[in-house]
PDB file of N, CA and C in Angstrom:
ATOM      1  N   MET A   1      -4.826  27.215   7.704  1.00  0.00           N
ATOM      2  CA  MET A   1      -5.229  26.141   8.589  1.00  0.00           C
ATOM      3  C   MET A   1      -6.745  25.972   8.578  1.00  0.00           C
ATOM      4  N   GLY A   2      -7.463  27.060   8.420  1.00  0.00           N
ATOM      5  CA  GLY A   2      -8.920  26.996   8.417  1.00  0.00           C
ATOM      6  C   GLY A   2      -9.468  26.196   7.248  1.00  0.00           C
ATOM      7  N   ARG A   3      -8.850  26.373   6.059  1.00  0.00           N
ATOM      8  CA  ARG A   3      -9.309  25.607   4.891  1.00  0.00           C
ATOM      9  C   ARG A   3      -9.004  24.132   5.047  1.00  0.00           C
ATOM     10  N   SER A   4      -7.878  23.808   5.657  1.00  0.00           N
ATOM     11  CA  SER A   4      -7.510  22.410   5.884  1.00  0.00           C
ATOM     12  C   SER A   4      -8.502  21.732   6.812  1.00  0.00           C
ATOM     13  N   MET A   5      -8.862  22.415   7.876  1.00  0.00           N
ATOM     14  CA  MET A   5      -9.827  21.855   8.830  1.00  0.00           C
ATOM     15  C   MET A   5     -11.199  21.703   8.190  1.00  0.00           C
ATOM     16  N   ALA A   6     -11.589  22.663   7.356  1.00  0.00           N
ATOM     17  CA  ALA A   6     -12.871  22.562   6.665  1.00  0.00           C
ATOM     18  C   ALA A   6     -12.866  21.383   5.704  1.00  0.00           C
ATOM     19  N   TRP A   7     -11.744  21.197   4.983  1.00  0.00           N
ATOM     20  CA  TRP A   7     -11.644  20.063   4.066  1.00  0.00           C
ATOM     21  C   TRP A   7     -11.719  18.744   4.829  1.00  0.00           C
ATOM     22  N   LEU A   8     -11.004  18.668   5.943  1.00  0.00           N
ATOM     23  CA  LEU A   8     -11.010  17.451   6.748  1.00  0.00           C
ATOM     24  C   LEU A   8     -12.396  17.177   7.321  1.00  0.00           C
ATOM     25  N   ARG A   9     -13.082  18.214   7.737  1.00  0.00           N
ATOM     26  CA  ARG A   9     -14.435  18.059   8.263  1.00  0.00           C
ATOM     27  C   ARG A   9     -15.378  17.536   7.183  1.00  0.00           C
ATOM     28  N   ASP A  10     -15.200  17.999   5.939  1.00  0.00           N
ATOM     29  CA  ASP A  10     -16.049  17.557   4.840  1.00  0.00           C
ATOM     30  C   ASP A  10     -15.687  16.170   4.330  1.00  0.00           C
ATOM     31  N   ASN A  11     -14.429  15.756   4.515  1.00  0.00           N
ATOM     32  CA  ASN A  11     -13.945  14.499   3.939  1.00  0.00           C
ATOM     33  C   ASN A  11     -13.461  13.509   4.987  1.00  0.00           C
ATOM     34  N   TRP A  12     -13.922  13.608   6.206  1.00  0.00           N
ATOM     35  CA  TRP A  12     -13.429  12.769   7.284  1.00  0.00           C
ATOM     36  C   TRP A  12     -13.666  11.287   7.035  1.00  0.00           C
ATOM     37  N   LEU A  13     -14.781  10.944   6.423  1.00  0.00           N
ATOM     38  CA  LEU A  13     -15.064   9.534   6.183  1.00  0.00           C
ATOM     39  C   LEU A  13     -14.083   8.948   5.178  1.00  0.00           C
ATOM     40  N   ARG A  14     -13.839   9.648   4.095  1.00  0.00           N
ATOM     41  CA  ARG A  14     -12.881   9.190   3.074  1.00  0.00           C
ATOM     42  C   ARG A  14     -11.474   9.055   3.659  1.00  0.00           C
ATOM     43  N   VAL A  15     -11.063  10.039   4.458  1.00  0.00           N
ATOM     44  CA  VAL A  15      -9.741   9.995   5.080  1.00  0.00           C
ATOM     45  C   VAL A  15      -9.653   8.816   6.050  1.00  0.00           C
ATOM     46  N   SER A  16     -10.689   8.604   6.832  1.00  0.00           N
ATOM     47  CA  SER A  16     -10.708   7.487   7.782  1.00  0.00           C
ATOM     48  C   SER A  16     -10.625   6.148   7.064  1.00  0.00           C
ATOM     49  N   LEU A  17     -11.357   6.016   5.959  1.00  0.00           N
ATOM     50  CA  LEU A  17     -11.300   4.775   5.187  1.00  0.00           C
ATOM     51  C   LEU A  17      -9.924   4.573   4.558  1.00  0.00           C
ATOM     52  N   ASP A  18      -9.332   5.654   4.054  1.00  0.00           N
ATOM     53  CA  ASP A  18      -7.983   5.568   3.495  1.00  0.00           C
ATOM     54  C   ASP A  18      -6.990   5.060   4.541  1.00  0.00           C
ATOM     55  N   VAL A  19      -7.042   5.621   5.728  1.00  0.00           N
ATOM     56  CA  VAL A  19      -6.130   5.200   6.791  1.00  0.00           C
ATOM     57  C   VAL A  19      -6.403   3.753   7.186  1.00  0.00           C
ATOM     58  N   ALA A  20      -7.667   3.391   7.292  1.00  0.00           N
ATOM     59  CA  ALA A  20      -8.009   2.019   7.677  1.00  0.00           C
ATOM     60  C   ALA A  20      -7.530   1.004   6.638  1.00  0.00           C
ATOM     61  N   VAL A  21      -7.775   1.286   5.377  1.00  0.00           N
ATOM     62  CA  VAL A  21      -7.438   0.331   4.315  1.00  0.00           C
ATOM     63  C   VAL A  21      -5.945   0.322   4.009  1.00  0.00           C
ATOM     64  N   ASN A  22      -5.317   1.469   3.993  1.00  0.00           N
ATOM     65  CA  ASN A  22      -3.924   1.551   3.554  1.00  0.00           C
ATOM     66  C   ASN A  22      -2.903   1.468   4.681  1.00  0.00           C
ATOM     67  N   PHE A  23      -3.330   1.562   5.927  1.00  0.00           N
ATOM     68  CA  PHE A  23      -2.393   1.454   7.034  1.00  0.00           C
ATOM     69  C   PHE A  23      -2.814   0.391   8.043  1.00  0.00           C
ATOM     70  N   ALA A  24      -3.981   0.556   8.625  1.00  0.00           N
ATOM     71  CA  ALA A  24      -4.394  -0.343   9.707  1.00  0.00           C
ATOM     72  C   ALA A  24      -4.601  -1.780   9.222  1.00  0.00           C
ATOM     73  N   ALA A  25      -5.304  -1.962   8.119  1.00  0.00           N
ATOM     74  CA  ALA A  25      -5.568  -3.319   7.623  1.00  0.00           C
ATOM     75  C   ALA A  25      -4.281  -4.068   7.281  1.00  0.00           C
ATOM     76  N   PRO A  26      -3.325  -3.466   6.548  1.00  0.00           N
ATOM     77  CA  PRO A  26      -2.080  -4.199   6.283  1.00  0.00           C
ATOM     78  C   PRO A  26      -1.319  -4.595   7.552  1.00  0.00           C
ATOM     79  N   VAL A  27      -1.291  -3.704   8.540  1.00  0.00           N
ATOM     80  CA  VAL A  27      -0.597  -4.017   9.793  1.00  0.00           C
ATOM     81  C   VAL A  27      -1.282  -5.183  10.497  1.00  0.00           C
ATOM     82  N   LEU A  28      -2.603  -5.130  10.586  1.00  0.00           N
ATOM     83  CA  LEU A  28      -3.342  -6.204  11.247  1.00  0.00           C
ATOM     84  C   LEU A  28      -3.187  -7.529  10.497  1.00  0.00           C
ATOM     85  N   ILE A  29      -3.264  -7.482   9.173  1.00  0.00           N
ATOM     86  CA  ILE A  29      -3.106  -8.707   8.381  1.00  0.00           C
ATOM     87  C   ILE A  29      -1.710  -9.287   8.557  1.00  0.00           C
ATOM     88  N   PHE A  30      -0.684  -8.441   8.515  1.00  0.00           N
ATOM     89  CA  PHE A  30       0.674  -8.937   8.697  1.00  0.00           C
ATOM     90  C   PHE A  30       0.842  -9.576  10.067  1.00  0.00           C
ATOM     91  N   ASN A  31       0.371  -8.887  11.114  1.00  0.00           N
ATOM     92  CA  ASN A  31       0.507  -9.425  12.470  1.00  0.00           C
ATOM     93  C   ASN A  31      -0.227 -10.746  12.645  1.00  0.00           C
ATOM     94  N   TRP A  32      -1.346 -10.918  11.984  1.00  0.00           N
ATOM     95  CA  TRP A  32      -2.095 -12.170  12.059  1.00  0.00           C
ATOM     96  C   TRP A  32      -1.423 -13.265  11.234  1.00  0.00           C
ATOM     97  N   ALA A  33      -0.955 -12.934  10.036  1.00  0.00           N
ATOM     98  CA  ALA A  33      -0.451 -13.944   9.109  1.00  0.00           C
ATOM     99  C   ALA A  33       0.991 -14.360   9.372  1.00  0.00           C
ATOM    100  N   GLU A  34       1.811 -13.488   9.910  1.00  0.00           N
ATOM    101  CA  GLU A  34       3.238 -13.774  10.043  1.00  0.00           C
ATOM    102  C   GLU A  34       3.547 -15.035  10.859  1.00  0.00           C
ATOM    103  N   PRO A  35       2.917 -15.264  12.013  1.00  0.00           N
ATOM    104  CA  PRO A  35       3.242 -16.489  12.750  1.00  0.00           C
ATOM    105  C   PRO A  35       2.850 -17.765  11.994  1.00  0.00           C
ATOM    106  N   GLN A  36       1.805 -17.694  11.188  1.00  0.00           N
ATOM    107  CA  GLN A  36       1.309 -18.879  10.499  1.00  0.00           C
ATOM    108  C   GLN A  36       1.970 -19.091   9.139  1.00  0.00           C
ATOM    109  N   TRP A  37       2.222 -18.019   8.416  1.00  0.00           N
ATOM    110  CA  TRP A  37       2.676 -18.116   7.029  1.00  0.00           C
ATOM    111  C   TRP A  37       4.128 -17.711   6.822  1.00  0.00           C
ATOM    112  N   GLY A  38       4.744 -17.074   7.785  1.00  0.00           N
ATOM    113  CA  GLY A  38       6.104 -16.574   7.626  1.00  0.00           C
ATOM    114  C   GLY A  38       6.089 -15.137   7.124  1.00  0.00           C
ATOM    115  N   GLU A  39       7.262 -14.498   7.206  1.00  0.00           N
ATOM    116  CA  GLU A  39       7.355 -13.075   6.866  1.00  0.00           C
ATOM    117  C   GLU A  39       6.984 -12.762   5.426  1.00  0.00           C
ATOM    118  N   THR A  40       7.525 -13.541   4.495  1.00  0.00           N
ATOM    119  CA  THR A  40       7.335 -13.226   3.081  1.00  0.00           C
ATOM    120  C   THR A  40       5.877 -13.301   2.676  1.00  0.00           C
ATOM    121  N   ARG A  41       5.222 -14.388   3.020  1.00  0.00           N
ATOM    122  CA  ARG A  41       3.801 -14.526   2.650  1.00  0.00           C
ATOM    123  C   ARG A  41       2.928 -13.523   3.400  1.00  0.00           C
ATOM    124  N   ALA A  42       3.300 -13.209   4.641  1.00  0.00           N
ATOM    125  CA  ALA A  42       2.542 -12.212   5.402  1.00  0.00           C
ATOM    126  C   ALA A  42       2.678 -10.830   4.762  1.00  0.00           C
ATOM    127  N   LEU A  43       3.896 -10.485   4.305  1.00  0.00           N
ATOM    128  CA  LEU A  43       4.079  -9.207   3.610  1.00  0.00           C
ATOM    129  C   LEU A  43       3.211  -9.138   2.360  1.00  0.00           C
ATOM    130  N   LEU A  44       3.184 -10.219   1.618  1.00  0.00           N
ATOM    131  CA  LEU A  44       2.368 -10.225   0.401  1.00  0.00           C
ATOM    132  C   LEU A  44       0.879 -10.168   0.725  1.00  0.00           C
ATOM    133  N   ALA A  45       0.458 -10.874   1.754  1.00  0.00           N
ATOM    134  CA  ALA A  45      -0.957 -10.834   2.144  1.00  0.00           C
ATOM    135  C   ALA A  45      -1.366  -9.434   2.587  1.00  0.00           C
ATOM    136  N   SER A  46      -0.451  -8.724   3.226  1.00  0.00           N
ATOM    137  CA  SER A  46      -0.784  -7.382   3.714  1.00  0.00           C
ATOM    138  C   SER A  46      -0.919  -6.366   2.586  1.00  0.00           C
ATOM    139  N   THR A  47      -0.509  -6.719   1.380  1.00  0.00           N
ATOM    140  CA  THR A  47      -0.660  -5.798   0.246  1.00  0.00           C
ATOM    141  C   THR A  47      -2.045  -5.864  -0.389  1.00  0.00           C
ATOM    142  N   VAL A  48      -2.840  -6.852  -0.026  1.00  0.00           N
ATOM    143  CA  VAL A  48      -4.142  -7.031  -0.679  1.00  0.00           C
ATOM    144  C   VAL A  48      -5.091  -5.850  -0.462  1.00  0.00           C
ATOM    145  N   PRO A  49      -5.300  -5.361   0.777  1.00  0.00           N
ATOM    146  CA  PRO A  49      -6.237  -4.232   0.922  1.00  0.00           C
ATOM    147  C   PRO A  49      -5.845  -2.989   0.120  1.00  0.00           C
ATOM    148  N   PRO A  50      -4.569  -2.523   0.168  1.00  0.00           N
ATOM    149  CA  PRO A  50      -4.236  -1.353  -0.653  1.00  0.00           C
ATOM    150  C   PRO A  50      -4.373  -1.622  -2.147  1.00  0.00           C
ATOM    151  N   LEU A  51      -4.064  -2.842  -2.565  1.00  0.00           N
ATOM    152  CA  LEU A  51      -4.199  -3.192  -3.978  1.00  0.00           C
ATOM    153  C   LEU A  51      -5.659  -3.107  -4.428  1.00  0.00           C
ATOM    154  N   LEU A  52      -6.531  -3.688  -3.651  1.00  0.00           N
ATOM    155  CA  LEU A  52      -7.963  -3.631  -3.987  1.00  0.00           C
ATOM    156  C   LEU A  52      -8.504  -2.203  -3.897  1.00  0.00           C
ATOM    157  N   TRP A  53      -8.045  -1.446  -2.916  1.00  0.00           N
ATOM    158  CA  TRP A  53      -8.478  -0.054  -2.754  1.00  0.00           C
ATOM    159  C   TRP A  53      -8.073   0.779  -3.965  1.00  0.00           C
ATOM    160  N   GLY A  54      -6.819   0.621  -4.388  1.00  0.00           N
ATOM    161  CA  GLY A  54      -6.336   1.373  -5.549  1.00  0.00           C
ATOM    162  C   GLY A  54      -7.060   1.000  -6.821  1.00  0.00           C
ATOM    163  N   ALA A  55      -7.288  -0.298  -7.024  1.00  0.00           N
ATOM    164  CA  ALA A  55      -8.011  -0.741  -8.223  1.00  0.00           C
ATOM    165  C   ALA A  55      -9.451  -0.249  -8.189  1.00  0.00           C
ATOM    166  N   GLY A  56     -10.088  -0.350  -7.033  1.00  0.00           N
ATOM    167  CA  GLY A  56     -11.469   0.119  -6.916  1.00  0.00           C
ATOM    168  C   GLY A  56     -11.590   1.618  -7.115  1.00  0.00           C
ATOM    169  N   SER A  57     -10.629   2.352  -6.595  1.00  0.00           N
ATOM    170  CA  SER A  57     -10.620   3.803  -6.776  1.00  0.00           C
ATOM    171  C   SER A  57     -10.456   4.167  -8.245  1.00  0.00           C
ATOM    172  N   PHE A  58      -9.588   3.447  -8.942  1.00  0.00           N
ATOM    173  CA  PHE A  58      -9.397   3.697 -10.371  1.00  0.00           C
ATOM    174  C   PHE A  58     -10.671   3.410 -11.155  1.00  0.00           C
ATOM    175  N   VAL A  59     -11.320   2.304 -10.868  1.00  0.00           N
ATOM    176  CA  VAL A  59     -12.551   1.948 -11.573  1.00  0.00           C
ATOM    177  C   VAL A  59     -13.642   2.978 -11.290  1.00  0.00           C
ATOM    178  N   LYS A  60     -13.756   3.413 -10.037  1.00  0.00           N
ATOM    179  CA  LYS A  60     -14.809   4.352  -9.653  1.00  0.00           C
ATOM    180  C   LYS A  60     -14.584   5.750 -10.222  1.00  0.00           C
ATOM    181  N   GLU A  61     -13.355   6.257 -10.104  1.00  0.00           N
ATOM    182  CA  GLU A  61     -13.083   7.647 -10.469  1.00  0.00           C
ATOM    183  C   GLU A  61     -12.550   7.825 -11.894  1.00  0.00           C
ATOM    184  N   ARG A  62     -12.123   6.735 -12.524  1.00  0.00           N
ATOM    185  CA  ARG A  62     -11.615   6.765 -13.905  1.00  0.00           C
ATOM    186  C   ARG A  62     -10.439   7.718 -14.097  1.00  0.00           C
ATOM    187  N   LYS A  63      -9.612   7.845 -13.063  1.00  0.00           N
ATOM    188  CA  LYS A  63      -8.400   8.641 -13.214  1.00  0.00           C
ATOM    189  C   LYS A  63      -7.266   7.962 -12.446  1.00  0.00           C
ATOM    190  N   VAL A  64      -6.059   8.221 -12.913  1.00  0.00           N
ATOM    191  CA  VAL A  64      -4.892   7.588 -12.339  1.00  0.00           C
ATOM    192  C   VAL A  64      -4.258   8.530 -11.321  1.00  0.00           C
ATOM    193  N   ASP A  65      -4.024   8.016 -10.142  1.00  0.00           N
ATOM    194  CA  ASP A  65      -3.364   8.753  -9.072  1.00  0.00           C
ATOM    195  C   ASP A  65      -1.898   8.309  -9.050  1.00  0.00           C
ATOM    196  N   ALA A  66      -0.966   9.257  -9.092  1.00  0.00           N
ATOM    197  CA  ALA A  66       0.459   8.927  -9.160  1.00  0.00           C
ATOM    198  C   ALA A  66       0.899   8.079  -7.970  1.00  0.00           C
ATOM    199  N   LEU A  67       0.417   8.385  -6.787  1.00  0.00           N
ATOM    200  CA  LEU A  67       0.792   7.617  -5.610  1.00  0.00           C
ATOM    201  C   LEU A  67       0.281   6.185  -5.703  1.00  0.00           C
ATOM    202  N   SER A  68      -0.930   6.003  -6.214  1.00  0.00           N
ATOM    203  CA  SER A  68      -1.479   4.665  -6.389  1.00  0.00           C
ATOM    204  C   SER A  68      -0.674   3.870  -7.404  1.00  0.00           C
ATOM    205  N   VAL A  69      -0.228   4.531  -8.455  1.00  0.00           N
ATOM    206  CA  VAL A  69       0.589   3.849  -9.469  1.00  0.00           C
ATOM    207  C   VAL A  69       1.885   3.355  -8.850  1.00  0.00           C
ATOM    208  N   VAL A  70       2.527   4.191  -8.037  1.00  0.00           N
ATOM    209  CA  VAL A  70       3.772   3.792  -7.379  1.00  0.00           C
ATOM    210  C   VAL A  70       3.510   2.615  -6.436  1.00  0.00           C
ATOM    211  N   ALA A  71       2.418   2.682  -5.690  1.00  0.00           N
ATOM    212  CA  ALA A  71       2.089   1.589  -4.775  1.00  0.00           C
ATOM    213  C   ALA A  71       1.812   0.296  -5.541  1.00  0.00           C
ATOM    214  N   LEU A  72       1.061   0.386  -6.630  1.00  0.00           N
ATOM    215  CA  LEU A  72       0.765  -0.807  -7.426  1.00  0.00           C
ATOM    216  C   LEU A  72       2.017  -1.377  -8.071  1.00  0.00           C
ATOM    217  N   LEU A  73       2.916  -0.513  -8.520  1.00  0.00           N
ATOM    218  CA  LEU A  73       4.187  -0.996  -9.072  1.00  0.00           C
ATOM    219  C   LEU A  73       5.013  -1.693  -7.995  1.00  0.00           C
ATOM    220  N   GLY A  74       5.013  -1.147  -6.807  1.00  0.00           N
ATOM    221  CA  GLY A  74       5.724  -1.778  -5.700  1.00  0.00           C
ATOM    222  C   GLY A  74       5.161  -3.153  -5.372  1.00  0.00           C
ATOM    223  N   ILE A  75       3.842  -3.271  -5.382  1.00  0.00           N
ATOM    224  CA  ILE A  75       3.201  -4.560  -5.116  1.00  0.00           C
ATOM    225  C   ILE A  75       3.531  -5.548  -6.228  1.00  0.00           C
ATOM    226  N   ALA A  76       3.495  -5.083  -7.477  1.00  0.00           N
ATOM    227  CA  ALA A  76       3.833  -5.955  -8.600  1.00  0.00           C
ATOM    228  C   ALA A  76       5.280  -6.443  -8.493  1.00  0.00           C
ATOM    229  N   LEU A  77       6.198  -5.560  -8.130  1.00  0.00           N
ATOM    230  CA  LEU A  77       7.589  -5.959  -7.943  1.00  0.00           C
ATOM    231  C   LEU A  77       7.730  -6.967  -6.803  1.00  0.00           C
ATOM    232  N   SER A  78       6.974  -6.777  -5.737  1.00  0.00           N
ATOM    233  CA  SER A  78       7.009  -7.728  -4.618  1.00  0.00           C
ATOM    234  C   SER A  78       6.552  -9.104  -5.064  1.00  0.00           C
ATOM    235  N   LEU A  79       5.489  -9.136  -5.850  1.00  0.00           N
ATOM    236  CA  LEU A  79       5.000 -10.434  -6.342  1.00  0.00           C
ATOM    237  C   LEU A  79       6.025 -11.105  -7.243  1.00  0.00           C
ATOM    238  N   LEU A  80       6.672 -10.328  -8.104  1.00  0.00           N
ATOM    239  CA  LEU A  80       7.706 -10.894  -8.967  1.00  0.00           C
ATOM    240  C   LEU A  80       8.880 -11.408  -8.143  1.00  0.00           C
ATOM    241  N   MET A  81       9.258 -10.671  -7.122  1.00  0.00           N
ATOM    242  CA  MET A  81      10.361 -11.112  -6.267  1.00  0.00           C
ATOM    243  C   MET A  81       9.984 -12.377  -5.499  1.00  0.00           C
ATOM    244  N   PHE A  82       8.740 -12.468  -5.071  1.00  0.00           N
ATOM    245  CA  PHE A  82       8.286 -13.651  -4.346  1.00  0.00           C
ATOM    246  C   PHE A  82       8.325 -14.876  -5.244  1.00  0.00           C
ATOM    247  N   VAL A  83       7.823 -14.717  -6.456  1.00  0.00           N
ATOM    248  CA  VAL A  83       7.840 -15.837  -7.411  1.00  0.00           C
ATOM    249  C   VAL A  83       9.283 -16.241  -7.711  1.00  0.00           C
ATOM    250  N   GLY A  84      10.184 -15.271  -7.751  1.00  0.00           N
ATOM    251  CA  GLY A  84      11.589 -15.543  -8.003  1.00  0.00           C
ATOM    252  C   GLY A  84      12.348 -16.038  -6.788  1.00  0.00           C
ATOM    253  N   GLY A  85      11.676 -16.228  -5.666  1.00  0.00           N
ATOM    254  CA  GLY A  85      12.323 -16.760  -4.472  1.00  0.00           C
ATOM    255  C   GLY A  85      12.887 -15.708  -3.551  1.00  0.00           C
ATOM    256  N   GLY A  86      12.397 -14.476  -3.640  1.00  0.00           N
ATOM    257  CA  GLY A  86      12.906 -13.392  -2.797  1.00  0.00           C
ATOM    258  C   GLY A  86      12.573 -13.585  -1.327  1.00  0.00           C
ATOM    259  N   SER A  87      13.485 -13.168  -0.472  1.00  0.00           N
ATOM    260  CA  SER A  87      13.272 -13.260   0.965  1.00  0.00           C
ATOM    261  C   SER A  87      12.504 -12.034   1.464  1.00  0.00           C
ATOM    262  N   ALA A  88      12.071 -12.096   2.707  1.00  0.00           N
ATOM    263  CA  ALA A  88      11.353 -10.962   3.301  1.00  0.00           C
ATOM    264  C   ALA A  88      12.255  -9.729   3.364  1.00  0.00           C
ATOM    265  N   GLN A  89      13.550  -9.929   3.648  1.00  0.00           N
ATOM    266  CA  GLN A  89      14.476  -8.804   3.721  1.00  0.00           C
ATOM    267  C   GLN A  89      14.640  -8.154   2.352  1.00  0.00           C
ATOM    268  N   LEU A  90      14.689  -8.952   1.301  1.00  0.00           N
ATOM    269  CA  LEU A  90      14.824  -8.418  -0.048  1.00  0.00           C
ATOM    270  C   LEU A  90      13.584  -7.612  -0.442  1.00  0.00           C
ATOM    271  N   ILE A  91      12.417  -8.125  -0.088  1.00  0.00           N
ATOM    272  CA  ILE A  91      11.168  -7.416  -0.390  1.00  0.00           C
ATOM    273  C   ILE A  91      11.110  -6.103   0.391  1.00  0.00           C
ATOM    274  N   ALA A  92      11.520  -6.121   1.660  1.00  0.00           N
ATOM    275  CA  ALA A  92      11.534  -4.890   2.465  1.00  0.00           C
ATOM    276  C   ALA A  92      12.521  -3.881   1.881  1.00  0.00           C
ATOM    277  N   LEU A  93      13.685  -4.353   1.403  1.00  0.00           N
ATOM    278  CA  LEU A  93      14.659  -3.462   0.766  1.00  0.00           C
ATOM    279  C   LEU A  93      14.074  -2.854  -0.500  1.00  0.00           C
ATOM    280  N   LYS A  94      13.339  -3.631  -1.268  1.00  0.00           N
ATOM    281  CA  LYS A  94      12.699  -3.128  -2.488  1.00  0.00           C
ATOM    282  C   LYS A  94      11.719  -2.015  -2.151  1.00  0.00           C
ATOM    283  N   GLU A  95      10.986  -2.154  -1.065  1.00  0.00           N
ATOM    284  CA  GLU A  95      10.045  -1.112  -0.638  1.00  0.00           C
ATOM    285  C   GLU A  95      10.781   0.190  -0.342  1.00  0.00           C
ATOM    286  N   LYS A  96      11.915   0.092   0.294  1.00  0.00           N
ATOM    287  CA  LYS A  96      12.700   1.292   0.586  1.00  0.00           C
ATOM    288  C   LYS A  96      13.215   1.922  -0.699  1.00  0.00           C
ATOM    289  N   MET A  97      13.609   1.114  -1.656  1.00  0.00           N
ATOM    290  CA  MET A  97      14.119   1.639  -2.919  1.00  0.00           C
ATOM    291  C   MET A  97      13.006   2.336  -3.711  1.00  0.00           C
ATOM    292  N   VAL A  98      11.799   1.771  -3.708  1.00  0.00           N
ATOM    293  CA  VAL A  98      10.679   2.409  -4.402  1.00  0.00           C
ATOM    294  C   VAL A  98      10.389   3.756  -3.769  1.00  0.00           C
ATOM    295  N   THR A  99      10.424   3.837  -2.441  1.00  0.00           N
ATOM    296  CA  THR A  99      10.207   5.100  -1.754  1.00  0.00           C
ATOM    297  C   THR A  99      11.294   6.114  -2.111  1.00  0.00           C
ATOM    298  N   LEU A 100      12.534   5.660  -2.144  1.00  0.00           N
ATOM    299  CA  LEU A 100      13.647   6.537  -2.510  1.00  0.00           C
ATOM    300  C   LEU A 100      13.486   7.062  -3.938  1.00  0.00           C
ATOM    301  N   LEU A 101      13.168   6.181  -4.873  1.00  0.00           N
ATOM    302  CA  LEU A 101      12.998   6.602  -6.261  1.00  0.00           C
ATOM    303  C   LEU A 101      11.833   7.581  -6.409  1.00  0.00           C
ATOM    304  N   PHE A 102      10.759   7.337  -5.690  1.00  0.00           N
ATOM    305  CA  PHE A 102       9.618   8.248  -5.728  1.00  0.00           C
ATOM    306  C   PHE A 102      10.014   9.621  -5.185  1.00  0.00           C
ATOM    307  N   GLY A 103      10.765   9.628  -4.083  1.00  0.00           N
ATOM    308  CA  GLY A 103      11.220  10.891  -3.511  1.00  0.00           C
ATOM    309  C   GLY A 103      12.147  11.653  -4.438  1.00  0.00           C
ATOM    310  N   LEU A 104      13.033  10.938  -5.116  1.00  0.00           N
ATOM    311  CA  LEU A 104      13.934  11.579  -6.050  1.00  0.00           C
ATOM    312  C   LEU A 104      13.208  12.112  -7.290  1.00  0.00           C
ATOM    313  N   ALA A 105      12.168  11.403  -7.715  1.00  0.00           N
ATOM    314  CA  ALA A 105      11.425  11.813  -8.914  1.00  0.00           C
ATOM    315  C   ALA A 105      10.594  13.063  -8.664  1.00  0.00           C
ATOM    316  N   PHE A 106      10.097  13.231  -7.450  1.00  0.00           N
ATOM    317  CA  PHE A 106       9.233  14.366  -7.159  1.00  0.00           C
ATOM    318  C   PHE A 106       9.899  15.296  -6.189  1.00  0.00           C
TER     319      PHE A 106
END
């Protein structure tokens, strides 16, 4: 536990930014966009911060993170489903399936 707390103390800013970009920003964007744009477009809009974060992290660090790859694949599948006329429920189901496949793989 001591090493974990020391790591968190040294990396608190990075962890805070990760939580803000990958959790708080998508929730806030969805809540703002859903009444105006509908569920499907709001879901897609909420993927922008994690997408940009993952791409920026890849460019900065020059290494591939397995979790980021899964997230980017999920976003790409969502965009394909949207273009194909997918509903918000179908996109949400796809998210659950990506999580299930990731859990089974690891």
